């Protein structure tokens, strides 16, 4: 479990020690203290209903469709007209998928990404495409260098290329589920108490 957390944090250039650990699942709370100790996390937030948190997340999640397309080109010679045409192509395919969901198309949020790597590199990074920027190519290259430095610990101003592009269409979703709210009971906040055993405890 600790390695799984490192995979989505440390290996992505993110320090988990500045975050809170949220345990979920029926036995999530049992492992939380050991995990937080191993990862150096100082805060644990146990949700109201940890056993069904994944199901609650599914109810709150937005509908999302992603369509990708190959678009191999060096950033230095990026043809913005060709890029926009390729994005229109994947947008049409994504909108067809969203339309099949029977949702309000006016509420769809669209995001664009490019898979970028150094020329000669065999792996790439997903970088947001800022098409409304005055110079999208320069912005993309700068963001790639920053992401490469954050994730791999280094970057050099060498030529880079786009491997492919991606559009993500998202609609709906909620930050709040009424079913997960606490209702004030008017009674004492402590419902009950029982002993637990932890590694550092002494047998009584």
N, C-alpha and C. Protein backbone atom coordinates (compact mmCIF):
# COMPACT_ATOMS: atom_id res chain seq x y z
N UNK A 1 0.83 -1.21 0.00
CA UNK A 1 0.00 0.00 0.00
C UNK A 1 0.86 1.26 0.00
N UNK A 2 1.96 1.23 0.78
CA UNK A 2 2.85 2.39 0.81
C UNK A 2 3.47 2.62 -0.57
N UNK A 3 3.86 1.55 -1.24
CA UNK A 3 4.45 1.69 -2.56
C UNK A 3 3.43 2.23 -3.56
N UNK A 4 2.17 1.84 -3.41
CA UNK A 4 1.12 2.36 -4.27
C UNK A 4 0.95 3.86 -4.10
N UNK A 5 1.05 4.34 -2.86
CA UNK A 5 0.95 5.78 -2.60
C UNK A 5 2.17 6.50 -3.18
N UNK A 6 3.35 5.89 -3.02
CA UNK A 6 4.57 6.51 -3.59
C UNK A 6 4.46 6.62 -5.11
N UNK A 7 3.83 5.64 -5.73
CA UNK A 7 3.72 5.61 -7.18
C UNK A 7 2.99 6.84 -7.71
N UNK A 8 1.97 7.30 -6.97
CA UNK A 8 1.18 8.45 -7.43
C UNK A 8 1.60 9.75 -6.75
N UNK A 9 2.64 9.71 -5.94
CA UNK A 9 3.09 10.93 -5.27
C UNK A 9 4.58 11.15 -5.51
N UNK A 10 5.43 10.44 -4.77
CA UNK A 10 6.88 10.64 -4.87
C UNK A 10 7.36 10.46 -6.30
N UNK A 11 6.87 9.43 -6.99
CA UNK A 11 7.33 9.17 -8.36
C UNK A 11 6.77 10.16 -9.37
N UNK A 12 5.84 11.00 -8.91
CA UNK A 12 5.32 12.07 -9.77
C UNK A 12 5.85 13.43 -9.32
N UNK A 13 6.87 13.41 -8.45
CA UNK A 13 7.47 14.66 -7.99
C UNK A 13 6.67 15.36 -6.92
N UNK A 14 5.80 14.64 -6.20
CA UNK A 14 4.95 15.23 -5.16
C UNK A 14 5.35 14.65 -3.81
N UNK A 15 5.54 15.51 -2.82
CA UNK A 15 5.92 15.09 -1.48
C UNK A 15 4.67 14.77 -0.67
N UNK A 16 4.43 13.50 -0.33
CA UNK A 16 3.19 13.15 0.39
C UNK A 16 3.15 13.68 1.82
N UNK A 17 4.29 14.09 2.36
CA UNK A 17 4.33 14.55 3.75
C UNK A 17 3.53 15.84 3.96
N UNK A 18 3.25 16.56 2.90
CA UNK A 18 2.48 17.80 3.03
C UNK A 18 0.99 17.58 2.82
N UNK A 19 0.58 16.32 2.71
CA UNK A 19 -0.83 16.00 2.48
C UNK A 19 -1.39 15.21 3.66
N UNK A 20 -2.71 15.11 3.71
CA UNK A 20 -3.39 14.27 4.69
C UNK A 20 -3.69 12.91 4.04
N UNK A 21 -3.63 11.86 4.83
CA UNK A 21 -3.96 10.51 4.36
C UNK A 21 -5.43 10.23 4.63
N UNK A 22 -6.16 9.82 3.61
CA UNK A 22 -7.59 9.51 3.75
C UNK A 22 -7.77 8.01 3.56
N UNK A 23 -7.94 7.25 4.63
CA UNK A 23 -8.12 5.79 4.49
C UNK A 23 -9.55 5.46 4.11
N UNK A 24 -9.70 4.49 3.23
CA UNK A 24 -11.04 4.06 2.84
C UNK A 24 -11.08 2.54 2.77
N UNK A 25 -12.27 2.02 2.63
CA UNK A 25 -12.46 0.58 2.66
C UNK A 25 -12.76 0.13 4.09
N UNK A 26 -13.30 -1.06 4.20
CA UNK A 26 -13.69 -1.55 5.52
C UNK A 26 -12.56 -1.60 6.52
N UNK A 27 -11.34 -1.89 6.06
CA UNK A 27 -10.20 -1.99 6.97
C UNK A 27 -9.18 -0.87 6.76
N UNK A 28 -9.58 0.18 6.07
CA UNK A 28 -8.64 1.25 5.79
C UNK A 28 -8.06 1.89 7.03
N UNK A 29 -8.93 2.14 8.02
CA UNK A 29 -8.46 2.78 9.24
C UNK A 29 -7.45 1.96 10.02
N UNK A 30 -7.50 0.64 9.85
CA UNK A 30 -6.57 -0.23 10.59
C UNK A 30 -5.14 0.01 10.13
N UNK A 31 -4.94 0.28 8.85
CA UNK A 31 -3.60 0.44 8.29
C UNK A 31 -3.12 1.89 8.26
N UNK A 32 -4.01 2.83 8.57
CA UNK A 32 -3.70 4.24 8.34
C UNK A 32 -2.49 4.71 9.14
N UNK A 33 -2.41 4.36 10.43
CA UNK A 33 -1.31 4.87 11.24
C UNK A 33 0.03 4.29 10.78
N UNK A 34 0.05 3.00 10.43
CA UNK A 34 1.30 2.40 9.96
C UNK A 34 1.74 3.02 8.63
N UNK A 35 0.78 3.26 7.74
CA UNK A 35 1.10 3.87 6.45
C UNK A 35 1.60 5.30 6.62
N UNK A 36 0.91 6.06 7.46
CA UNK A 36 1.32 7.46 7.64
C UNK A 36 2.70 7.54 8.27
N UNK A 37 3.00 6.61 9.18
CA UNK A 37 4.32 6.60 9.81
C UNK A 37 5.40 6.29 8.77
N UNK A 38 5.15 5.32 7.90
CA UNK A 38 6.15 4.94 6.89
C UNK A 38 6.37 6.04 5.86
N UNK A 39 5.29 6.77 5.54
CA UNK A 39 5.38 7.80 4.51
C UNK A 39 5.68 9.19 5.06
N UNK A 40 5.71 9.32 6.38
CA UNK A 40 5.98 10.62 6.98
C UNK A 40 4.80 11.57 6.94
N UNK A 41 3.59 11.03 6.78
CA UNK A 41 2.38 11.85 6.75
C UNK A 41 1.90 12.07 8.19
N UNK A 42 1.60 13.33 8.53
CA UNK A 42 1.29 13.67 9.91
C UNK A 42 -0.21 13.80 10.19
N UNK A 43 -1.03 13.82 9.14
CA UNK A 43 -2.48 14.00 9.33
C UNK A 43 -3.25 12.86 8.68
N UNK A 44 -4.26 12.35 9.38
CA UNK A 44 -5.13 11.30 8.86
C UNK A 44 -6.57 11.80 8.98
N UNK A 45 -7.31 11.72 7.87
CA UNK A 45 -8.71 12.13 7.87
C UNK A 45 -9.55 10.89 7.54
N UNK A 46 -10.31 10.41 8.52
CA UNK A 46 -11.16 9.24 8.31
C UNK A 46 -12.55 9.72 7.92
N UNK A 47 -13.04 9.38 6.73
CA UNK A 47 -14.36 9.84 6.30
C UNK A 47 -15.48 9.19 7.11
N UNK A 48 -16.66 9.75 7.00
CA UNK A 48 -17.79 9.27 7.79
C UNK A 48 -18.09 7.80 7.53
N UNK A 49 -18.13 7.42 6.27
CA UNK A 49 -18.48 6.04 5.90
C UNK A 49 -17.36 5.47 5.04
N UNK A 50 -16.22 5.13 5.64
CA UNK A 50 -15.07 4.70 4.83
C UNK A 50 -15.31 3.43 4.04
N UNK A 51 -16.19 2.55 4.52
CA UNK A 51 -16.43 1.29 3.83
C UNK A 51 -17.10 1.45 2.48
N UNK A 52 -17.81 2.56 2.28
CA UNK A 52 -18.51 2.77 1.00
C UNK A 52 -18.03 4.06 0.32
N UNK A 53 -16.83 4.53 0.69
CA UNK A 53 -16.34 5.78 0.12
C UNK A 53 -16.15 5.67 -1.40
N UNK A 54 -15.69 4.51 -1.89
CA UNK A 54 -15.51 4.34 -3.33
C UNK A 54 -16.85 4.44 -4.06
N UNK A 55 -17.89 3.83 -3.48
CA UNK A 55 -19.22 3.90 -4.09
C UNK A 55 -19.74 5.33 -4.08
N UNK A 56 -19.50 6.05 -2.97
CA UNK A 56 -19.93 7.44 -2.90
C UNK A 56 -19.18 8.28 -3.94
N UNK A 57 -17.90 7.99 -4.12
CA UNK A 57 -17.13 8.71 -5.13
C UNK A 57 -17.67 8.47 -6.52
N UNK A 58 -18.12 7.25 -6.78
CA UNK A 58 -18.70 6.94 -8.09
C UNK A 58 -19.98 7.74 -8.31
N UNK A 59 -20.78 7.90 -7.27
CA UNK A 59 -22.02 8.67 -7.39
C UNK A 59 -21.72 10.15 -7.65
N UNK A 60 -20.62 10.64 -7.09
CA UNK A 60 -20.28 12.05 -7.22
C UNK A 60 -19.43 12.35 -8.46
N UNK A 61 -18.90 11.31 -9.09
CA UNK A 61 -17.95 11.51 -10.19
C UNK A 61 -18.63 12.08 -11.43
N UNK A 62 -17.91 12.90 -12.18
CA UNK A 62 -18.46 13.41 -13.44
C UNK A 62 -18.43 12.35 -14.53
N UNK A 63 -19.21 12.56 -15.56
CA UNK A 63 -19.13 11.74 -16.77
C UNK A 63 -17.98 12.31 -17.61
N UNK A 64 -17.09 11.46 -18.05
CA UNK A 64 -15.91 11.95 -18.77
C UNK A 64 -15.56 11.01 -19.91
N UNK A 65 -15.24 11.59 -21.05
CA UNK A 65 -14.76 10.82 -22.20
C UNK A 65 -13.47 11.45 -22.71
N UNK A 66 -12.55 10.59 -23.08
CA UNK A 66 -11.22 11.02 -23.53
C UNK A 66 -10.94 10.38 -24.89
N UNK A 67 -10.47 11.18 -25.82
CA UNK A 67 -10.13 10.68 -27.15
C UNK A 67 -8.72 11.17 -27.48
N UNK A 68 -7.88 10.25 -27.97
CA UNK A 68 -6.50 10.60 -28.30
C UNK A 68 -6.25 10.39 -29.80
N UNK A 69 -5.21 11.04 -30.28
CA UNK A 69 -4.82 10.87 -31.68
C UNK A 69 -3.32 11.11 -31.81
N UNK A 70 -2.72 10.42 -32.73
CA UNK A 70 -1.30 10.62 -32.99
C UNK A 70 -1.09 11.99 -33.64
N UNK A 71 -0.05 12.69 -33.19
CA UNK A 71 0.27 13.99 -33.79
C UNK A 71 1.77 14.22 -33.58
N UNK A 72 2.57 13.51 -34.34
CA UNK A 72 4.03 13.55 -34.16
C UNK A 72 4.61 14.76 -34.86
N UNK A 73 5.16 15.66 -34.04
CA UNK A 73 5.78 16.87 -34.62
C UNK A 73 6.69 17.52 -33.60
N UNK A 74 7.83 18.07 -34.03
CA UNK A 74 8.68 18.81 -33.09
C UNK A 74 7.97 20.08 -32.63
N UNK A 75 8.16 20.45 -31.37
CA UNK A 75 7.52 21.66 -30.86
C UNK A 75 8.06 22.89 -31.58
N UNK A 76 9.34 22.87 -31.91
CA UNK A 76 9.96 24.04 -32.54
C UNK A 76 9.33 24.39 -33.89
N UNK A 77 8.77 23.39 -34.58
CA UNK A 77 8.15 23.65 -35.89
C UNK A 77 6.65 23.36 -35.86
N UNK A 78 6.04 23.55 -34.69
CA UNK A 78 4.63 23.24 -34.52
C UNK A 78 3.75 24.10 -35.44
N UNK A 79 2.90 23.43 -36.20
CA UNK A 79 1.94 24.10 -37.07
C UNK A 79 0.63 24.22 -36.29
N UNK A 80 0.32 25.42 -35.80
CA UNK A 80 -0.86 25.60 -34.95
C UNK A 80 -2.15 25.31 -35.70
N UNK A 81 -2.20 25.61 -36.98
CA UNK A 81 -3.41 25.33 -37.75
C UNK A 81 -3.65 23.83 -37.83
N UNK A 82 -2.59 23.06 -38.07
CA UNK A 82 -2.72 21.60 -38.12
C UNK A 82 -3.09 21.04 -36.75
N UNK A 83 -2.53 21.62 -35.69
CA UNK A 83 -2.86 21.18 -34.34
C UNK A 83 -4.34 21.41 -34.04
N UNK A 84 -4.83 22.60 -34.36
CA UNK A 84 -6.24 22.90 -34.10
C UNK A 84 -7.17 22.00 -34.91
N UNK A 85 -6.79 21.69 -36.13
CA UNK A 85 -7.61 20.79 -36.95
C UNK A 85 -7.65 19.39 -36.34
N UNK A 86 -6.50 18.91 -35.85
CA UNK A 86 -6.45 17.59 -35.21
C UNK A 86 -7.31 17.59 -33.94
N UNK A 87 -7.27 18.66 -33.18
CA UNK A 87 -8.09 18.74 -31.97
C UNK A 87 -9.58 18.80 -32.31
N UNK A 88 -9.94 19.49 -33.38
CA UNK A 88 -11.34 19.49 -33.81
C UNK A 88 -11.80 18.07 -34.16
N UNK A 89 -10.90 17.31 -34.76
CA UNK A 89 -11.22 15.92 -35.13
C UNK A 89 -11.50 15.07 -33.89
N UNK A 90 -10.63 15.16 -32.88
CA UNK A 90 -10.87 14.35 -31.68
C UNK A 90 -12.04 14.90 -30.87
N UNK A 91 -12.27 16.23 -30.95
CA UNK A 91 -13.43 16.82 -30.28
C UNK A 91 -14.73 16.25 -30.83
N UNK A 92 -14.81 16.10 -32.13
CA UNK A 92 -16.03 15.55 -32.73
C UNK A 92 -16.30 14.14 -32.21
N UNK A 93 -15.27 13.34 -32.11
CA UNK A 93 -15.44 11.96 -31.61
C UNK A 93 -15.84 11.96 -30.14
N UNK A 94 -15.24 12.86 -29.35
CA UNK A 94 -15.58 12.92 -27.93
C UNK A 94 -17.01 13.41 -27.72
N UNK A 95 -17.44 14.38 -28.52
CA UNK A 95 -18.80 14.90 -28.38
C UNK A 95 -19.84 13.86 -28.73
N UNK A 96 -19.53 12.99 -29.67
CA UNK A 96 -20.45 11.90 -30.00
C UNK A 96 -20.63 10.98 -28.79
N UNK A 97 -19.54 10.71 -28.08
CA UNK A 97 -19.62 9.86 -26.89
C UNK A 97 -20.39 10.54 -25.77
N UNK A 98 -20.15 11.85 -25.59
CA UNK A 98 -20.86 12.60 -24.55
C UNK A 98 -22.35 12.68 -24.88
N UNK A 99 -22.67 12.90 -26.14
CA UNK A 99 -24.08 13.01 -26.55
C UNK A 99 -24.83 11.72 -26.25
N UNK A 100 -24.15 10.59 -26.38
CA UNK A 100 -24.79 9.30 -26.09
C UNK A 100 -25.12 9.14 -24.60
N UNK A 101 -24.53 9.98 -23.75
CA UNK A 101 -24.80 9.92 -22.31
C UNK A 101 -26.09 10.63 -21.93
N UNK A 102 -26.71 11.35 -22.90
CA UNK A 102 -27.97 12.07 -22.68
C UNK A 102 -27.80 13.15 -21.60
N UNK A 103 -26.74 13.94 -21.71
CA UNK A 103 -26.50 15.03 -20.76
C UNK A 103 -26.55 16.36 -21.50
N UNK A 104 -26.62 17.44 -20.73
CA UNK A 104 -26.66 18.76 -21.34
C UNK A 104 -25.31 19.14 -21.93
N UNK A 105 -25.25 19.26 -23.25
CA UNK A 105 -23.97 19.52 -23.91
C UNK A 105 -23.43 20.91 -23.60
N UNK A 106 -24.32 21.83 -23.18
CA UNK A 106 -23.86 23.19 -22.87
C UNK A 106 -22.99 23.20 -21.61
N UNK A 107 -23.10 22.18 -20.79
CA UNK A 107 -22.35 22.14 -19.52
C UNK A 107 -21.04 21.38 -19.64
N UNK A 108 -20.68 20.93 -20.84
CA UNK A 108 -19.47 20.13 -21.01
C UNK A 108 -18.23 21.01 -20.91
N UNK A 109 -17.28 20.58 -20.09
CA UNK A 109 -15.99 21.27 -19.98
C UNK A 109 -14.96 20.50 -20.80
N UNK A 110 -14.20 21.20 -21.63
CA UNK A 110 -13.25 20.56 -22.54
C UNK A 110 -11.83 20.95 -22.16
N UNK A 111 -10.95 19.96 -22.06
CA UNK A 111 -9.53 20.19 -21.77
C UNK A 111 -8.69 19.49 -22.83
N UNK A 112 -7.53 20.07 -23.12
CA UNK A 112 -6.63 19.49 -24.11
C UNK A 112 -5.27 19.20 -23.49
N UNK A 113 -4.65 18.11 -23.96
CA UNK A 113 -3.34 17.71 -23.47
C UNK A 113 -2.49 17.23 -24.63
N UNK A 114 -1.17 17.30 -24.44
CA UNK A 114 -0.23 16.76 -25.43
C UNK A 114 0.75 15.84 -24.73
N UNK A 115 1.07 14.73 -25.36
CA UNK A 115 2.12 13.84 -24.86
C UNK A 115 3.43 14.34 -25.45
N UNK A 116 4.35 14.75 -24.58
CA UNK A 116 5.58 15.41 -25.02
C UNK A 116 6.80 14.66 -24.47
N UNK A 117 7.86 14.61 -25.28
CA UNK A 117 9.12 14.03 -24.85
C UNK A 117 10.27 14.74 -25.57
N UNK A 118 11.48 14.56 -25.04
CA UNK A 118 12.64 15.04 -25.77
C UNK A 118 12.79 14.22 -27.05
N UNK A 119 13.30 14.82 -28.09
CA UNK A 119 13.56 14.07 -29.32
C UNK A 119 14.61 13.00 -29.03
N UNK A 120 14.26 11.75 -29.34
CA UNK A 120 15.13 10.62 -29.04
C UNK A 120 14.75 9.90 -27.76
N UNK A 121 13.86 10.48 -26.98
CA UNK A 121 13.41 9.87 -25.73
C UNK A 121 12.28 8.89 -26.02
N UNK A 122 12.22 7.79 -25.27
CA UNK A 122 11.23 6.75 -25.55
C UNK A 122 10.01 6.82 -24.64
N UNK A 123 9.95 7.77 -23.72
CA UNK A 123 8.80 7.92 -22.84
C UNK A 123 8.39 9.38 -22.84
N UNK A 124 7.13 9.64 -22.51
CA UNK A 124 6.62 11.01 -22.62
C UNK A 124 5.85 11.42 -21.39
N UNK A 125 5.55 12.70 -21.29
CA UNK A 125 4.78 13.27 -20.20
C UNK A 125 3.53 13.93 -20.76
N UNK A 126 2.44 13.83 -20.04
CA UNK A 126 1.19 14.48 -20.44
C UNK A 126 1.22 15.93 -19.95
N UNK A 127 1.14 16.88 -20.88
CA UNK A 127 1.23 18.29 -20.57
C UNK A 127 -0.05 19.00 -21.05
N UNK A 128 -0.68 19.82 -20.20
CA UNK A 128 -1.86 20.57 -20.64
C UNK A 128 -1.53 21.49 -21.81
N UNK A 129 -2.46 21.60 -22.75
CA UNK A 129 -2.30 22.48 -23.89
C UNK A 129 -3.04 23.78 -23.63
N UNK A 130 -2.31 24.90 -23.60
CA UNK A 130 -2.92 26.21 -23.36
C UNK A 130 -3.10 26.91 -24.70
N UNK A 131 -4.18 26.59 -25.40
CA UNK A 131 -4.40 27.13 -26.74
C UNK A 131 -4.75 28.61 -26.74
N UNK A 132 -5.21 29.13 -25.59
CA UNK A 132 -5.55 30.55 -25.52
C UNK A 132 -4.33 31.41 -25.21
N UNK A 133 -3.17 30.78 -25.02
CA UNK A 133 -1.95 31.53 -24.76
C UNK A 133 -1.48 32.21 -26.04
N UNK A 134 -0.76 33.32 -25.89
CA UNK A 134 -0.28 34.05 -27.07
C UNK A 134 0.68 33.20 -27.90
N UNK A 135 1.45 32.34 -27.24
CA UNK A 135 2.40 31.46 -27.93
C UNK A 135 2.26 30.05 -27.36
N UNK A 136 1.28 29.27 -27.84
CA UNK A 136 1.03 27.94 -27.27
C UNK A 136 2.25 27.02 -27.31
N UNK A 137 3.06 27.09 -28.37
CA UNK A 137 4.22 26.21 -28.49
C UNK A 137 5.24 26.51 -27.40
N UNK A 138 5.53 27.79 -27.18
CA UNK A 138 6.50 28.18 -26.14
C UNK A 138 5.98 27.80 -24.76
N UNK A 139 4.69 27.99 -24.54
CA UNK A 139 4.08 27.64 -23.26
C UNK A 139 4.16 26.13 -23.02
N UNK A 140 3.88 25.35 -24.05
CA UNK A 140 3.94 23.90 -23.95
C UNK A 140 5.36 23.43 -23.63
N UNK A 141 6.33 24.01 -24.30
CA UNK A 141 7.73 23.63 -24.07
C UNK A 141 8.16 23.98 -22.65
N UNK A 142 7.79 25.17 -22.18
CA UNK A 142 8.14 25.58 -20.82
C UNK A 142 7.50 24.66 -19.79
N UNK A 143 6.22 24.33 -19.98
CA UNK A 143 5.53 23.45 -19.03
C UNK A 143 6.13 22.04 -19.05
N UNK A 144 6.58 21.59 -20.23
CA UNK A 144 7.23 20.28 -20.33
C UNK A 144 8.52 20.27 -19.52
N UNK A 145 9.34 21.32 -19.65
CA UNK A 145 10.60 21.38 -18.90
C UNK A 145 10.33 21.38 -17.40
N UNK A 146 9.33 22.13 -16.96
CA UNK A 146 8.99 22.17 -15.54
C UNK A 146 8.52 20.81 -15.04
N UNK A 147 7.67 20.14 -15.82
CA UNK A 147 7.16 18.83 -15.42
C UNK A 147 8.29 17.80 -15.39
N UNK A 148 9.17 17.84 -16.38
CA UNK A 148 10.29 16.90 -16.43
C UNK A 148 11.21 17.09 -15.22
N UNK A 149 11.45 18.33 -14.85
CA UNK A 149 12.29 18.61 -13.68
C UNK A 149 11.61 18.14 -12.40
N UNK A 150 10.30 18.36 -12.29
CA UNK A 150 9.57 17.97 -11.08
C UNK A 150 9.53 16.46 -10.92
N UNK A 151 9.32 15.74 -12.01
CA UNK A 151 9.13 14.30 -11.92
C UNK A 151 10.44 13.53 -11.93
N UNK A 152 11.38 13.96 -12.78
CA UNK A 152 12.63 13.21 -12.92
C UNK A 152 13.83 13.89 -12.26
N UNK A 153 13.62 15.09 -11.74
CA UNK A 153 14.70 15.77 -11.03
C UNK A 153 15.68 16.52 -11.90
N UNK A 154 15.42 16.61 -13.19
CA UNK A 154 16.30 17.35 -14.08
C UNK A 154 15.57 17.68 -15.37
N UNK A 155 16.06 18.70 -16.06
CA UNK A 155 15.58 19.02 -17.40
C UNK A 155 16.65 19.82 -18.11
N UNK A 156 16.70 19.70 -19.41
CA UNK A 156 17.66 20.46 -20.22
C UNK A 156 16.90 21.08 -21.39
N UNK A 157 17.37 22.21 -21.85
CA UNK A 157 16.68 22.90 -22.95
C UNK A 157 17.11 22.30 -24.29
N UNK A 158 16.73 21.04 -24.48
CA UNK A 158 16.98 20.33 -25.73
C UNK A 158 15.68 20.24 -26.52
N UNK A 159 15.77 19.99 -27.82
CA UNK A 159 14.55 19.92 -28.63
C UNK A 159 13.59 18.85 -28.13
N UNK A 160 12.32 19.17 -28.16
CA UNK A 160 11.27 18.25 -27.72
C UNK A 160 10.24 18.12 -28.81
N UNK A 161 9.44 17.06 -28.72
CA UNK A 161 8.42 16.83 -29.74
C UNK A 161 7.12 16.39 -29.12
N UNK A 162 6.04 16.63 -29.83
CA UNK A 162 4.73 16.11 -29.46
C UNK A 162 4.58 14.73 -30.08
N UNK A 163 4.09 13.80 -29.28
CA UNK A 163 3.84 12.44 -29.77
C UNK A 163 2.38 12.29 -30.17
N UNK A 164 1.50 12.80 -29.32
CA UNK A 164 0.07 12.70 -29.59
C UNK A 164 -0.68 13.77 -28.84
N UNK A 165 -1.95 13.94 -29.15
CA UNK A 165 -2.79 14.93 -28.47
C UNK A 165 -4.04 14.23 -27.92
N UNK A 166 -4.65 14.90 -26.96
CA UNK A 166 -5.79 14.28 -26.26
C UNK A 166 -6.81 15.36 -25.92
N UNK A 167 -8.08 15.02 -26.06
CA UNK A 167 -9.15 15.90 -25.60
C UNK A 167 -9.93 15.16 -24.52
N UNK A 168 -10.31 15.89 -23.49
CA UNK A 168 -11.09 15.32 -22.39
C UNK A 168 -12.36 16.14 -22.25
N UNK A 169 -13.49 15.49 -22.37
CA UNK A 169 -14.79 16.15 -22.22
C UNK A 169 -15.43 15.67 -20.94
N UNK A 170 -15.80 16.63 -20.09
CA UNK A 170 -16.31 16.28 -18.76
C UNK A 170 -17.58 17.06 -18.49
N UNK A 171 -18.54 16.39 -17.84
CA UNK A 171 -19.80 17.05 -17.48
C UNK A 171 -20.31 16.44 -16.18
N UNK A 172 -20.94 17.29 -15.36
CA UNK A 172 -21.53 16.80 -14.11
C UNK A 172 -20.50 16.66 -13.01
N UNK A 173 -20.87 15.88 -12.02
CA UNK A 173 -20.01 15.68 -10.86
C UNK A 173 -20.37 16.65 -9.75
N UNK A 174 -20.05 16.26 -8.53
CA UNK A 174 -20.38 17.08 -7.37
C UNK A 174 -19.32 16.92 -6.30
N UNK A 175 -19.05 17.99 -5.59
CA UNK A 175 -18.12 17.95 -4.46
C UNK A 175 -18.84 17.50 -3.18
N UNK A 176 -20.17 17.49 -3.20
CA UNK A 176 -20.95 17.22 -1.99
C UNK A 176 -22.03 16.19 -2.29
N UNK A 177 -22.18 15.21 -1.41
CA UNK A 177 -23.30 14.27 -1.45
C UNK A 177 -24.07 14.42 -0.15
N UNK A 178 -25.36 14.74 -0.27
CA UNK A 178 -26.17 14.93 0.94
C UNK A 178 -26.17 13.69 1.81
N UNK A 179 -26.08 12.51 1.18
CA UNK A 179 -26.10 11.26 1.95
C UNK A 179 -24.88 11.12 2.86
N UNK A 180 -23.80 11.85 2.55
CA UNK A 180 -22.57 11.72 3.33
C UNK A 180 -22.46 12.80 4.41
N UNK A 181 -23.45 13.66 4.53
CA UNK A 181 -23.40 14.73 5.53
C UNK A 181 -23.69 14.19 6.93
N UNK A 182 -23.11 14.84 7.92
CA UNK A 182 -23.46 14.56 9.31
C UNK A 182 -24.63 15.46 9.70
N UNK A 183 -25.61 14.89 10.38
CA UNK A 183 -26.71 15.68 10.93
C UNK A 183 -26.49 15.83 12.43
N UNK A 184 -26.52 17.05 12.97
CA UNK A 184 -26.33 17.23 14.42
C UNK A 184 -27.34 16.40 15.20
N UNK A 185 -26.87 15.65 16.17
CA UNK A 185 -27.74 14.78 16.95
C UNK A 185 -28.23 15.44 18.23
N UNK A 186 -27.50 16.44 18.71
CA UNK A 186 -27.89 17.06 19.97
C UNK A 186 -27.39 16.30 21.17
N UNK A 187 -26.82 15.11 20.93
CA UNK A 187 -26.30 14.30 22.03
C UNK A 187 -24.82 14.48 22.20
N UNK A 188 -24.21 13.69 23.07
CA UNK A 188 -22.76 13.79 23.29
C UNK A 188 -22.01 13.36 22.02
N UNK A 189 -20.87 14.02 21.70
CA UNK A 189 -20.15 13.68 20.48
C UNK A 189 -19.52 12.30 20.51
N UNK A 190 -19.25 11.76 21.69
CA UNK A 190 -18.60 10.45 21.77
C UNK A 190 -19.67 9.38 21.92
N UNK A 191 -19.80 8.53 20.92
CA UNK A 191 -20.85 7.51 20.92
C UNK A 191 -20.44 6.31 21.77
N UNK A 192 -19.18 5.94 21.69
CA UNK A 192 -18.72 4.77 22.45
C UNK A 192 -17.22 4.76 22.53
N UNK A 193 -16.67 3.80 23.23
CA UNK A 193 -15.24 3.69 23.40
C UNK A 193 -14.86 2.21 23.49
N UNK A 194 -13.73 1.85 22.90
CA UNK A 194 -13.21 0.50 23.05
C UNK A 194 -11.70 0.53 22.87
N UNK A 195 -11.03 -0.45 23.44
CA UNK A 195 -9.58 -0.53 23.37
C UNK A 195 -9.13 -1.11 22.03
N UNK A 196 -7.99 -0.61 21.56
CA UNK A 196 -7.36 -1.19 20.38
C UNK A 196 -5.91 -1.47 20.69
N UNK A 197 -5.27 -2.34 19.92
CA UNK A 197 -3.86 -2.67 20.10
C UNK A 197 -3.06 -2.06 18.96
N UNK A 198 -1.96 -1.36 19.29
CA UNK A 198 -1.06 -0.80 18.30
C UNK A 198 0.34 -1.32 18.61
N UNK A 199 1.25 -1.30 17.64
CA UNK A 199 2.59 -1.90 17.85
C UNK A 199 3.34 -1.40 19.07
N UNK A 200 3.16 -0.13 19.45
CA UNK A 200 3.94 0.42 20.54
C UNK A 200 3.28 0.21 21.91
N UNK A 201 2.07 -0.39 21.92
CA UNK A 201 1.34 -0.55 23.19
C UNK A 201 1.90 -1.70 24.01
N UNK A 202 1.77 -1.57 25.33
CA UNK A 202 2.17 -2.64 26.25
C UNK A 202 0.95 -3.45 26.64
N UNK A 203 1.14 -4.75 26.78
CA UNK A 203 0.05 -5.60 27.21
C UNK A 203 -0.25 -5.30 28.67
N UNK A 204 -1.53 -5.12 29.02
CA UNK A 204 -1.90 -4.81 30.40
C UNK A 204 -2.31 -6.08 31.15
